[in-house]
């Protein structure tokens, strides 16, 4: 062999060695990295699709919530009003000759609402006044539920009526965190309630 052939063989061996190292690196490093990239990309695409679907669902729910808030603004505002016994007695006075309220309970167990239970003792000229009062509850700026039993007693010219009402008022965040029992004076009818 001549020197030229030896150099050519040496160059061919180096090229072959270079190609072997190159293929080893491709199979050992590049192909696994490409496979890992494809898996990560596939999970990213799936996570992005899930995120976009959840975001769309969130936007739909938010739009419905805003629509419901706008539609029921009066009811939401009624929950936010603070209970004022004098204002209620004044409103009920349009239908009854006399209205006395006796507080039975303030429910502190509900995490979102303060619920006042009251007995309403009324005097009226006609039972129609009571039904007009029930119809007018929607115009009073509180969320009020009239409960049964409703008792009417006639004493000649006037009718005495006794019924129970519940008044719902939203608790503010500060009150929600503090749930200590309050003392109630059940004999007092004129004690102001918050």
N, C-alpha and C. Protein backbone atom coordinates (compact mmCIF):
# COMPACT_ATOMS: atom_id res chain seq x y z
N UNK A 1 0.82 -1.16 0.00
CA UNK A 1 0.00 0.00 0.00
C UNK A 1 0.89 1.25 0.00
N UNK A 2 0.37 2.14 -0.71
CA UNK A 2 1.12 3.38 -0.83
C UNK A 2 0.65 4.36 0.23
N UNK A 3 1.42 5.40 0.35
CA UNK A 3 1.10 6.41 1.35
C UNK A 3 -0.23 7.09 1.04
N UNK A 4 -0.51 7.25 -0.21
CA UNK A 4 -1.78 7.84 -0.61
C UNK A 4 -2.94 6.95 -0.22
N UNK A 5 -2.81 5.69 -0.41
CA UNK A 5 -3.88 4.74 -0.06
C UNK A 5 -4.07 4.67 1.45
N UNK A 6 -2.97 4.78 2.19
CA UNK A 6 -3.05 4.74 3.65
C UNK A 6 -3.79 5.98 4.15
N UNK A 7 -3.45 7.12 3.54
CA UNK A 7 -4.17 8.32 3.92
C UNK A 7 -5.65 8.22 3.59
N UNK A 8 -5.97 7.67 2.44
CA UNK A 8 -7.36 7.51 2.03
C UNK A 8 -8.08 6.55 2.96
N UNK A 9 -7.45 5.48 3.37
CA UNK A 9 -8.06 4.52 4.29
C UNK A 9 -8.24 5.20 5.65
N UNK A 10 -7.24 5.96 6.07
CA UNK A 10 -7.35 6.65 7.34
C UNK A 10 -8.52 7.65 7.32
N UNK A 11 -8.64 8.37 6.24
CA UNK A 11 -9.75 9.33 6.10
C UNK A 11 -11.07 8.58 6.09
N UNK A 12 -11.12 7.45 5.38
CA UNK A 12 -12.36 6.66 5.35
C UNK A 12 -12.69 6.10 6.73
N UNK A 13 -11.69 5.71 7.50
CA UNK A 13 -11.94 5.21 8.86
C UNK A 13 -12.46 6.35 9.73
N UNK A 14 -11.85 7.54 9.62
CA UNK A 14 -12.33 8.70 10.39
C UNK A 14 -13.75 9.07 10.00
N UNK A 15 -14.05 9.04 8.72
CA UNK A 15 -15.41 9.34 8.27
C UNK A 15 -16.37 8.29 8.79
N UNK A 16 -15.97 7.02 8.70
CA UNK A 16 -16.83 5.95 9.22
C UNK A 16 -17.01 6.09 10.72
N UNK A 17 -15.94 6.39 11.45
CA UNK A 17 -16.03 6.60 12.90
C UNK A 17 -16.93 7.81 13.20
N UNK A 18 -16.76 8.87 12.40
CA UNK A 18 -17.62 10.05 12.58
C UNK A 18 -19.07 9.70 12.35
N UNK A 19 -19.35 8.92 11.31
CA UNK A 19 -20.74 8.52 11.01
C UNK A 19 -21.31 7.62 12.11
N UNK A 20 -20.51 6.72 12.65
CA UNK A 20 -20.96 5.85 13.73
C UNK A 20 -21.29 6.69 14.97
N UNK A 21 -20.41 7.61 15.33
CA UNK A 21 -20.65 8.47 16.49
C UNK A 21 -21.90 9.33 16.25
N UNK A 22 -22.02 9.82 15.01
CA UNK A 22 -23.18 10.64 14.67
C UNK A 22 -24.48 9.83 14.81
N UNK A 23 -24.53 8.61 14.30
CA UNK A 23 -25.72 7.77 14.43
C UNK A 23 -26.00 7.39 15.89
N UNK A 24 -24.94 7.14 16.64
CA UNK A 24 -25.13 6.83 18.06
C UNK A 24 -25.75 8.03 18.77
N UNK A 25 -25.22 9.21 18.51
CA UNK A 25 -25.78 10.41 19.13
C UNK A 25 -27.23 10.63 18.68
N UNK A 26 -27.52 10.42 17.40
CA UNK A 26 -28.89 10.60 16.91
C UNK A 26 -29.84 9.64 17.63
N UNK A 27 -29.46 8.37 17.70
CA UNK A 27 -30.34 7.37 18.33
C UNK A 27 -30.37 7.50 19.85
N UNK A 28 -29.27 7.96 20.46
CA UNK A 28 -29.23 8.04 21.92
C UNK A 28 -29.78 9.36 22.45
N UNK A 29 -29.64 10.46 21.71
CA UNK A 29 -30.01 11.76 22.25
C UNK A 29 -31.17 12.40 21.47
N UNK A 30 -31.07 12.50 20.19
CA UNK A 30 -32.03 13.26 19.40
C UNK A 30 -33.39 12.56 19.33
N UNK A 31 -33.41 11.28 19.01
CA UNK A 31 -34.69 10.57 18.86
C UNK A 31 -35.46 10.53 20.19
N UNK A 32 -34.84 10.22 21.34
CA UNK A 32 -35.60 10.29 22.59
C UNK A 32 -36.09 11.72 22.91
N UNK A 33 -35.27 12.72 22.58
CA UNK A 33 -35.69 14.10 22.83
C UNK A 33 -36.89 14.45 21.96
N UNK A 34 -36.91 14.00 20.73
CA UNK A 34 -38.04 14.26 19.84
C UNK A 34 -39.29 13.55 20.36
N UNK A 35 -39.13 12.29 20.81
CA UNK A 35 -40.28 11.55 21.37
C UNK A 35 -40.82 12.27 22.61
N UNK A 36 -39.92 12.71 23.49
CA UNK A 36 -40.35 13.42 24.70
C UNK A 36 -41.04 14.73 24.32
N UNK A 37 -40.50 15.44 23.33
CA UNK A 37 -41.12 16.68 22.88
C UNK A 37 -42.53 16.42 22.36
N UNK A 38 -42.70 15.36 21.58
CA UNK A 38 -44.03 15.04 21.05
C UNK A 38 -45.02 14.74 22.18
N UNK A 39 -44.56 13.99 23.21
CA UNK A 39 -45.45 13.68 24.34
C UNK A 39 -45.81 14.95 25.12
N UNK A 40 -44.81 15.79 25.36
CA UNK A 40 -45.06 17.03 26.08
C UNK A 40 -45.97 17.94 25.25
N UNK A 41 -45.73 18.01 23.95
CA UNK A 41 -46.56 18.82 23.08
C UNK A 41 -47.99 18.30 23.04
N UNK A 42 -48.17 16.98 23.00
CA UNK A 42 -49.50 16.38 23.00
C UNK A 42 -50.24 16.71 24.30
N UNK A 43 -49.55 16.59 25.44
CA UNK A 43 -50.20 16.92 26.71
C UNK A 43 -50.48 18.42 26.81
N UNK A 44 -49.60 19.25 26.24
CA UNK A 44 -49.84 20.69 26.22
C UNK A 44 -51.07 21.03 25.39
N UNK A 45 -51.17 20.42 24.23
CA UNK A 45 -52.33 20.69 23.37
C UNK A 45 -53.62 20.26 24.08
N UNK A 46 -53.58 19.10 24.75
CA UNK A 46 -54.76 18.62 25.47
C UNK A 46 -55.08 19.56 26.64
N UNK A 47 -54.06 19.99 27.39
CA UNK A 47 -54.28 20.91 28.50
C UNK A 47 -54.81 22.25 28.00
N UNK A 48 -54.30 22.73 26.89
CA UNK A 48 -54.78 23.99 26.33
C UNK A 48 -56.23 23.87 25.89
N UNK A 49 -56.58 22.72 25.28
CA UNK A 49 -57.98 22.51 24.87
C UNK A 49 -58.89 22.46 26.09
N UNK A 50 -58.45 21.78 27.16
CA UNK A 50 -59.23 21.74 28.39
C UNK A 50 -59.36 23.14 29.01
N UNK A 51 -58.27 23.90 29.00
CA UNK A 51 -58.31 25.25 29.54
C UNK A 51 -59.27 26.12 28.75
N UNK A 52 -59.21 26.05 27.42
CA UNK A 52 -60.11 26.87 26.60
C UNK A 52 -61.56 26.47 26.80
N UNK A 53 -61.82 25.16 26.96
CA UNK A 53 -63.18 24.71 27.22
C UNK A 53 -63.67 25.21 28.59
N UNK A 54 -62.80 25.12 29.60
CA UNK A 54 -63.16 25.60 30.94
C UNK A 54 -63.34 27.12 30.93
N UNK A 55 -62.48 27.82 30.20
CA UNK A 55 -62.62 29.27 30.11
C UNK A 55 -63.93 29.65 29.43
N UNK A 56 -64.30 28.93 28.38
CA UNK A 56 -65.56 29.20 27.69
C UNK A 56 -66.75 28.93 28.61
N UNK A 57 -66.67 27.82 29.37
CA UNK A 57 -67.74 27.50 30.32
C UNK A 57 -67.83 28.58 31.40
N UNK A 58 -66.67 29.04 31.89
CA UNK A 58 -66.64 30.12 32.88
C UNK A 58 -67.28 31.38 32.32
N UNK A 59 -66.95 31.74 31.10
CA UNK A 59 -67.52 32.94 30.48
C UNK A 59 -69.03 32.80 30.32
N UNK A 60 -69.50 31.60 29.92
CA UNK A 60 -70.94 31.37 29.78
C UNK A 60 -71.64 31.52 31.13
N UNK A 61 -71.06 30.92 32.18
CA UNK A 61 -71.66 31.01 33.51
C UNK A 61 -71.64 32.46 34.00
N UNK A 62 -70.54 33.17 33.75
CA UNK A 62 -70.44 34.57 34.16
C UNK A 62 -71.49 35.42 33.44
N UNK A 63 -71.69 35.17 32.14
CA UNK A 63 -72.72 35.90 31.40
C UNK A 63 -74.11 35.62 31.95
N UNK A 64 -74.38 34.33 32.27
CA UNK A 64 -75.68 33.98 32.85
C UNK A 64 -75.85 34.63 34.22
N UNK A 65 -74.78 34.65 35.02
CA UNK A 65 -74.83 35.26 36.35
C UNK A 65 -75.13 36.76 36.23
N UNK A 66 -74.45 37.44 35.32
CA UNK A 66 -74.69 38.87 35.14
C UNK A 66 -76.12 39.12 34.67
N UNK A 67 -76.62 38.27 33.78
CA UNK A 67 -77.99 38.41 33.31
C UNK A 67 -78.98 38.21 34.46
N UNK A 68 -78.73 37.17 35.28
CA UNK A 68 -79.62 36.91 36.42
C UNK A 68 -79.52 38.03 37.45
N UNK A 69 -78.32 38.56 37.68
CA UNK A 69 -78.17 39.67 38.61
C UNK A 69 -78.93 40.89 38.12
N UNK A 70 -78.87 41.14 36.83
CA UNK A 70 -79.59 42.28 36.28
C UNK A 70 -81.09 42.04 36.34
N UNK A 71 -81.51 40.82 36.03
CA UNK A 71 -82.94 40.49 36.01
C UNK A 71 -83.54 40.53 37.42
N UNK A 72 -82.78 40.08 38.42
CA UNK A 72 -83.29 39.98 39.79
C UNK A 72 -82.62 41.00 40.71
N UNK A 73 -82.31 42.15 40.18
CA UNK A 73 -81.64 43.19 40.95
C UNK A 73 -82.45 43.59 42.18
N UNK A 74 -83.76 43.65 42.04
CA UNK A 74 -84.62 44.06 43.15
C UNK A 74 -84.57 43.05 44.29
N UNK A 75 -84.58 41.76 43.96
CA UNK A 75 -84.54 40.70 44.99
C UNK A 75 -83.19 40.71 45.69
N UNK A 76 -82.12 40.85 44.94
CA UNK A 76 -80.78 40.89 45.54
C UNK A 76 -80.66 42.09 46.46
N UNK A 77 -81.18 43.22 46.00
CA UNK A 77 -81.16 44.43 46.84
C UNK A 77 -81.97 44.25 48.11
N UNK A 78 -83.08 43.50 48.01
CA UNK A 78 -83.91 43.26 49.20
C UNK A 78 -83.15 42.44 50.23
N UNK A 79 -82.34 41.48 49.80
CA UNK A 79 -81.54 40.70 50.75
C UNK A 79 -80.50 41.58 51.43
N UNK A 80 -80.02 42.59 50.73
CA UNK A 80 -78.97 43.44 51.28
C UNK A 80 -79.50 44.50 52.25
N UNK A 81 -80.81 44.76 52.23
CA UNK A 81 -81.37 45.77 53.13
C UNK A 81 -81.31 45.30 54.58
N UNK A 82 -80.96 46.21 55.45
CA UNK A 82 -80.92 45.90 56.88
C UNK A 82 -82.33 45.98 57.43
N UNK A 83 -82.70 45.04 58.28
CA UNK A 83 -84.04 44.95 58.84
C UNK A 83 -84.31 46.15 59.74
N UNK A 84 -85.43 46.81 59.47
CA UNK A 84 -85.85 47.96 60.26
C UNK A 84 -87.30 47.70 60.67
N UNK A 85 -87.48 47.36 61.93
CA UNK A 85 -88.80 46.99 62.43
C UNK A 85 -89.79 48.15 62.29
N UNK A 86 -89.36 49.37 62.56
CA UNK A 86 -90.25 50.53 62.49
C UNK A 86 -90.76 50.75 61.06
N UNK A 87 -89.87 50.58 60.08
CA UNK A 87 -90.28 50.75 58.69
C UNK A 87 -91.30 49.68 58.30
N UNK A 88 -91.08 48.45 58.77
CA UNK A 88 -92.03 47.39 58.46
C UNK A 88 -93.39 47.68 59.10
N UNK A 89 -93.38 48.11 60.36
CA UNK A 89 -94.64 48.41 61.06
C UNK A 89 -95.36 49.55 60.33
N UNK A 90 -94.62 50.52 59.87
CA UNK A 90 -95.22 51.64 59.13
C UNK A 90 -95.85 51.14 57.82
N UNK A 91 -95.14 50.25 57.09
CA UNK A 91 -95.69 49.69 55.85
C UNK A 91 -96.91 48.84 56.11
N UNK A 92 -96.86 48.02 57.16
CA UNK A 92 -97.99 47.16 57.50
C UNK A 92 -99.16 47.97 58.04
N UNK A 93 -98.87 49.14 58.60
CA UNK A 93 -99.92 50.01 59.14
C UNK A 93 -100.88 50.50 58.08
N UNK A 94 -100.49 50.42 56.81
CA UNK A 94 -101.40 50.81 55.73
C UNK A 94 -102.55 49.81 55.61
N UNK A 95 -102.36 48.59 56.11
CA UNK A 95 -103.37 47.55 55.95
C UNK A 95 -104.04 47.18 57.27
N UNK A 96 -103.36 47.46 58.38
CA UNK A 96 -103.88 47.07 59.69
C UNK A 96 -104.05 48.30 60.56
N UNK A 97 -104.97 48.22 61.49
CA UNK A 97 -105.18 49.32 62.44
C UNK A 97 -104.07 49.34 63.49
N UNK A 98 -103.57 48.16 63.84
CA UNK A 98 -102.52 48.07 64.85
C UNK A 98 -101.60 46.90 64.48
N UNK A 99 -100.31 47.10 64.64
CA UNK A 99 -99.34 46.04 64.36
C UNK A 99 -98.34 46.00 65.50
N UNK A 100 -98.21 44.85 66.14
CA UNK A 100 -97.18 44.62 67.16
C UNK A 100 -96.33 43.44 66.71
N UNK A 101 -95.03 43.55 66.86
CA UNK A 101 -94.12 42.47 66.50
C UNK A 101 -93.43 41.96 67.74
N UNK A 102 -93.35 40.65 67.85
CA UNK A 102 -92.65 40.02 68.97
C UNK A 102 -91.61 39.09 68.36
N UNK A 103 -90.36 39.36 68.67
CA UNK A 103 -89.28 38.55 68.11
C UNK A 103 -89.23 37.21 68.80
N UNK A 104 -89.21 36.14 67.98
CA UNK A 104 -89.12 34.79 68.52
C UNK A 104 -87.68 34.28 68.50
N UNK A 105 -86.97 34.55 67.40
CA UNK A 105 -85.65 33.94 67.24
C UNK A 105 -84.88 34.70 66.17
N UNK A 106 -83.56 34.70 66.30
CA UNK A 106 -82.67 35.13 65.23
C UNK A 106 -81.79 33.94 64.93
N UNK A 107 -81.91 33.41 63.73
CA UNK A 107 -81.18 32.21 63.35
C UNK A 107 -79.75 32.60 63.00
N UNK A 108 -78.81 32.09 63.76
CA UNK A 108 -77.40 32.37 63.50
C UNK A 108 -76.69 31.20 62.82
N UNK A 109 -77.40 30.09 62.58
CA UNK A 109 -76.74 28.90 62.03
C UNK A 109 -76.56 28.99 60.52
N UNK A 110 -77.35 29.79 59.82
CA UNK A 110 -77.20 29.92 58.38
C UNK A 110 -75.95 30.75 58.09
N UNK A 111 -75.04 30.26 57.27
CA UNK A 111 -73.79 31.00 57.05
C UNK A 111 -73.96 32.26 56.19
N UNK A 112 -75.05 32.37 55.45
CA UNK A 112 -75.18 33.48 54.52
C UNK A 112 -76.27 34.49 54.90
N UNK A 113 -77.26 34.04 55.67
CA UNK A 113 -78.40 34.91 55.97
C UNK A 113 -78.68 34.95 57.46
N UNK A 114 -79.13 36.11 57.92
CA UNK A 114 -79.68 36.24 59.26
C UNK A 114 -81.19 36.14 59.07
N UNK A 115 -81.83 35.26 59.81
CA UNK A 115 -83.26 35.02 59.65
C UNK A 115 -83.94 35.41 60.96
N UNK A 116 -84.80 36.42 60.88
CA UNK A 116 -85.58 36.85 62.04
C UNK A 116 -86.93 36.14 61.98
N UNK A 117 -87.33 35.52 63.08
CA UNK A 117 -88.67 34.96 63.18
C UNK A 117 -89.45 35.86 64.13
N UNK A 118 -90.61 36.33 63.66
CA UNK A 118 -91.41 37.27 64.43
C UNK A 118 -92.87 36.85 64.42
N UNK A 119 -93.54 37.08 65.52
CA UNK A 119 -94.99 36.94 65.56
C UNK A 119 -95.58 38.32 65.32
N UNK A 120 -96.51 38.41 64.40
CA UNK A 120 -97.17 39.69 64.12
C UNK A 120 -98.58 39.61 64.67
N UNK A 121 -98.90 40.51 65.59
CA UNK A 121 -100.24 40.61 66.15
C UNK A 121 -100.88 41.85 65.54
N UNK A 122 -102.01 41.66 64.85
CA UNK A 122 -102.61 42.77 64.11
C UNK A 122 -104.08 42.92 64.47
N UNK A 123 -104.58 44.10 64.20
CA UNK A 123 -106.02 44.38 64.28
C UNK A 123 -106.41 44.95 62.93
N UNK A 124 -107.53 44.45 62.41
CA UNK A 124 -107.97 44.90 61.09
C UNK A 124 -109.49 44.93 61.04
N UNK A 125 -110.00 45.61 60.05
CA UNK A 125 -111.45 45.70 59.88
C UNK A 125 -111.99 44.54 59.06
N UNK A 126 -111.19 44.03 58.15
CA UNK A 126 -111.67 42.98 57.24
C UNK A 126 -110.52 42.01 56.94
N UNK A 127 -110.83 40.73 56.74
CA UNK A 127 -109.77 39.79 56.36
C UNK A 127 -109.15 40.12 55.00
N UNK A 128 -109.85 40.89 54.19
CA UNK A 128 -109.30 41.29 52.89
C UNK A 128 -108.04 42.13 53.09
N UNK A 129 -107.99 42.87 54.17
CA UNK A 129 -106.79 43.67 54.45
C UNK A 129 -105.57 42.77 54.60
N UNK A 130 -105.76 41.60 55.23
CA UNK A 130 -104.64 40.68 55.40
C UNK A 130 -104.15 40.18 54.04
N UNK A 131 -105.08 39.85 53.15
CA UNK A 131 -104.69 39.36 51.83
C UNK A 131 -104.07 40.47 50.98
N UNK A 132 -104.52 41.69 51.15
CA UNK A 132 -103.87 42.82 50.48
C UNK A 132 -102.45 43.01 51.01
N UNK A 133 -102.30 42.82 52.31
CA UNK A 133 -100.98 42.91 52.92
C UNK A 133 -100.06 41.83 52.33
N UNK A 134 -100.54 40.60 52.20
CA UNK A 134 -99.73 39.53 51.61
C UNK A 134 -99.32 39.88 50.18
N UNK A 135 -100.26 40.46 49.42
CA UNK A 135 -99.93 40.86 48.05
C UNK A 135 -98.90 41.98 48.03
N UNK A 136 -98.90 42.82 49.04
CA UNK A 136 -97.98 43.96 49.07
C UNK A 136 -96.59 43.59 49.59
N UNK A 137 -96.40 42.37 50.07
CA UNK A 137 -95.08 41.99 50.61
C UNK A 137 -93.98 42.15 49.57
N UNK A 138 -94.32 41.99 48.29
CA UNK A 138 -93.30 42.12 47.26
C UNK A 138 -92.83 43.57 47.10
N UNK A 139 -93.63 44.53 47.56
CA UNK A 139 -93.22 45.94 47.43
C UNK A 139 -92.42 46.42 48.64
N UNK A 140 -92.45 45.66 49.74
CA UNK A 140 -91.69 46.03 50.93
C UNK A 140 -90.23 45.68 50.66
N UNK A 141 -89.29 46.55 51.02
CA UNK A 141 -87.89 46.33 50.62
C UNK A 141 -87.15 45.28 51.44
N UNK A 142 -87.83 44.25 51.89
CA UNK A 142 -87.20 43.15 52.62
C UNK A 142 -87.68 41.84 52.01
N UNK A 143 -86.93 40.78 52.27
CA UNK A 143 -87.36 39.45 51.86
C UNK A 143 -88.11 38.87 53.05
N UNK A 144 -89.43 38.78 52.90
CA UNK A 144 -90.30 38.37 54.00
C UNK A 144 -91.12 37.17 53.57
N UNK A 145 -91.22 36.22 54.47
CA UNK A 145 -92.04 35.02 54.23
C UNK A 145 -93.08 34.96 55.34
N UNK A 146 -94.36 34.92 54.96
CA UNK A 146 -95.43 34.77 55.94
C UNK A 146 -95.68 33.28 56.12
N UNK A 147 -95.63 32.82 57.37
CA UNK A 147 -95.78 31.39 57.66
C UNK A 147 -97.12 31.11 58.31
N UNK A 148 -97.52 29.88 58.20
CA UNK A 148 -98.72 29.40 58.87
C UNK A 148 -98.35 28.88 60.24
N UNK A 149 -99.21 28.80 61.18
CA UNK A 149 -100.65 29.04 61.10
C UNK A 149 -100.96 30.52 61.18
N UNK A 150 -102.07 30.89 60.56
CA UNK A 150 -102.58 32.25 60.63
C UNK A 150 -103.89 32.17 61.40
N UNK A 151 -103.98 32.91 62.49
CA UNK A 151 -105.17 32.83 63.34
C UNK A 151 -105.91 34.15 63.29
N UNK A 152 -107.21 34.08 62.98
CA UNK A 152 -108.10 35.24 63.01
C UNK A 152 -109.12 35.04 64.12
N UNK A 153 -109.37 36.09 64.87
CA UNK A 153 -110.41 36.07 65.89
C UNK A 153 -111.20 37.37 65.78
N UNK A 154 -112.50 37.24 65.74
CA UNK A 154 -113.35 38.42 65.64
C UNK A 154 -113.85 38.79 67.03
N UNK A 155 -113.79 40.08 67.35
CA UNK A 155 -114.36 40.55 68.60
C UNK A 155 -115.34 41.68 68.29
N UNK A 156 -116.28 41.36 67.45
CA UNK A 156 -117.31 42.33 67.09
C UNK A 156 -116.92 43.10 65.85
N UNK A 157 -116.43 44.32 66.03
CA UNK A 157 -116.14 45.20 64.91
C UNK A 157 -114.76 44.95 64.30
N UNK A 158 -113.82 44.51 65.10
CA UNK A 158 -112.45 44.32 64.64
C UNK A 158 -112.09 42.85 64.59
N UNK A 159 -111.06 42.54 63.80
CA UNK A 159 -110.54 41.19 63.70
C UNK A 159 -109.11 41.21 64.19
N UNK A 160 -108.80 40.34 65.15
CA UNK A 160 -107.42 40.18 65.61
C UNK A 160 -106.78 39.08 64.77
N UNK A 161 -105.61 39.36 64.24
CA UNK A 161 -104.90 38.36 63.46
C UNK A 161 -103.51 38.14 64.02
N UNK A 162 -103.11 36.88 64.07
CA UNK A 162 -101.76 36.54 64.53
C UNK A 162 -101.16 35.62 63.48
N UNK A 163 -99.98 35.98 63.02
CA UNK A 163 -99.28 35.14 62.05
C UNK A 163 -97.79 35.31 62.27
N UNK A 164 -97.04 34.40 61.74
CA UNK A 164 -95.59 34.41 61.90
C UNK A 164 -94.96 34.85 60.58
N UNK A 165 -93.94 35.68 60.70
CA UNK A 165 -93.18 36.07 59.51
C UNK A 165 -91.71 35.75 59.73
N UNK A 166 -91.05 35.53 58.64
CA UNK A 166 -89.59 35.36 58.65
C UNK A 166 -89.01 36.43 57.75
N UNK A 167 -88.00 37.10 58.22
CA UNK A 167 -87.32 38.14 57.46
C UNK A 167 -85.90 37.65 57.20
N UNK A 168 -85.51 37.64 55.93
CA UNK A 168 -84.18 37.19 55.54
C UNK A 168 -83.32 38.39 55.22
N UNK A 169 -82.12 38.41 55.80
CA UNK A 169 -81.19 39.51 55.60
C UNK A 169 -79.81 38.91 55.37
N UNK A 170 -79.10 39.41 54.37
CA UNK A 170 -77.77 38.89 54.08
C UNK A 170 -76.81 39.29 55.19
N UNK A 171 -76.01 38.31 55.63
CA UNK A 171 -74.97 38.63 56.61
C UNK A 171 -73.79 39.22 55.87
N UNK A 172 -73.17 40.19 56.47
CA UNK A 172 -71.97 40.74 55.85
C UNK A 172 -70.80 39.84 56.22
N UNK A 173 -69.71 39.96 55.50
CA UNK A 173 -68.57 39.05 55.67
C UNK A 173 -68.05 39.06 57.10
N UNK A 174 -68.04 40.20 57.74
CA UNK A 174 -67.55 40.32 59.12
C UNK A 174 -68.42 39.49 60.07
N UNK A 175 -69.75 39.53 59.85
CA UNK A 175 -70.65 38.77 60.71
C UNK A 175 -70.54 37.27 60.46
N UNK A 176 -70.24 36.88 59.22
CA UNK A 176 -70.13 35.45 58.90
C UNK A 176 -69.01 34.79 59.68
N UNK A 177 -67.91 35.53 59.89
CA UNK A 177 -66.79 34.94 60.60
C UNK A 177 -67.04 34.88 62.10
N UNK A 178 -67.91 35.73 62.62
CA UNK A 178 -68.21 35.75 64.05
C UNK A 178 -69.59 35.18 64.27
N UNK A 179 -69.68 34.03 64.96
CA UNK A 179 -70.96 33.34 65.12
C UNK A 179 -71.32 33.16 66.59
N UNK A 180 -71.05 34.13 67.42
CA UNK A 180 -71.39 34.02 68.84
C UNK A 180 -72.89 34.23 69.00
N UNK A 181 -73.54 33.52 69.93
CA UNK A 181 -74.98 33.70 70.12
C UNK A 181 -75.28 35.07 70.70
N UNK A 182 -76.42 35.63 70.29
CA UNK A 182 -76.86 36.90 70.81
C UNK A 182 -77.98 36.65 71.82
N UNK A 183 -78.05 37.51 72.81
CA UNK A 183 -79.13 37.35 73.78
C UNK A 183 -80.38 37.99 73.22
N UNK A 184 -81.50 37.32 73.42
CA UNK A 184 -82.78 37.81 72.93
C UNK A 184 -83.70 38.08 74.11
N UNK A 185 -84.34 39.19 74.07
CA UNK A 185 -85.34 39.50 75.08
C UNK A 185 -86.70 39.26 74.44
N UNK A 186 -87.28 38.09 74.69
CA UNK A 186 -88.51 37.71 74.00
C UNK A 186 -89.73 38.47 74.51
N UNK A 187 -89.63 39.13 75.65
CA UNK A 187 -90.78 39.87 76.17
C UNK A 187 -90.86 41.27 75.59
N UNK A 188 -89.80 41.77 75.05
CA UNK A 188 -89.77 43.14 74.56
C UNK A 188 -90.29 43.18 73.13
N UNK A 189 -91.27 44.02 72.86
CA UNK A 189 -91.80 44.15 71.50
C UNK A 189 -91.30 45.40 70.81
N UNK A 190 -90.74 46.32 71.56
CA UNK A 190 -90.30 47.57 70.94
C UNK A 190 -88.79 47.70 70.86
N UNK A 191 -88.06 46.65 71.25
CA UNK A 191 -86.59 46.71 71.18
C UNK A 191 -86.18 46.74 69.73
N UNK A 192 -85.33 47.70 69.33
CA UNK A 192 -84.94 47.78 67.93
C UNK A 192 -84.05 46.62 67.57
N UNK A 193 -84.29 46.10 66.40
CA UNK A 193 -83.45 45.04 65.86
C UNK A 193 -82.59 45.64 64.78
N UNK A 194 -81.40 45.12 64.61
CA UNK A 194 -80.49 45.66 63.60
C UNK A 194 -81.08 45.52 62.22
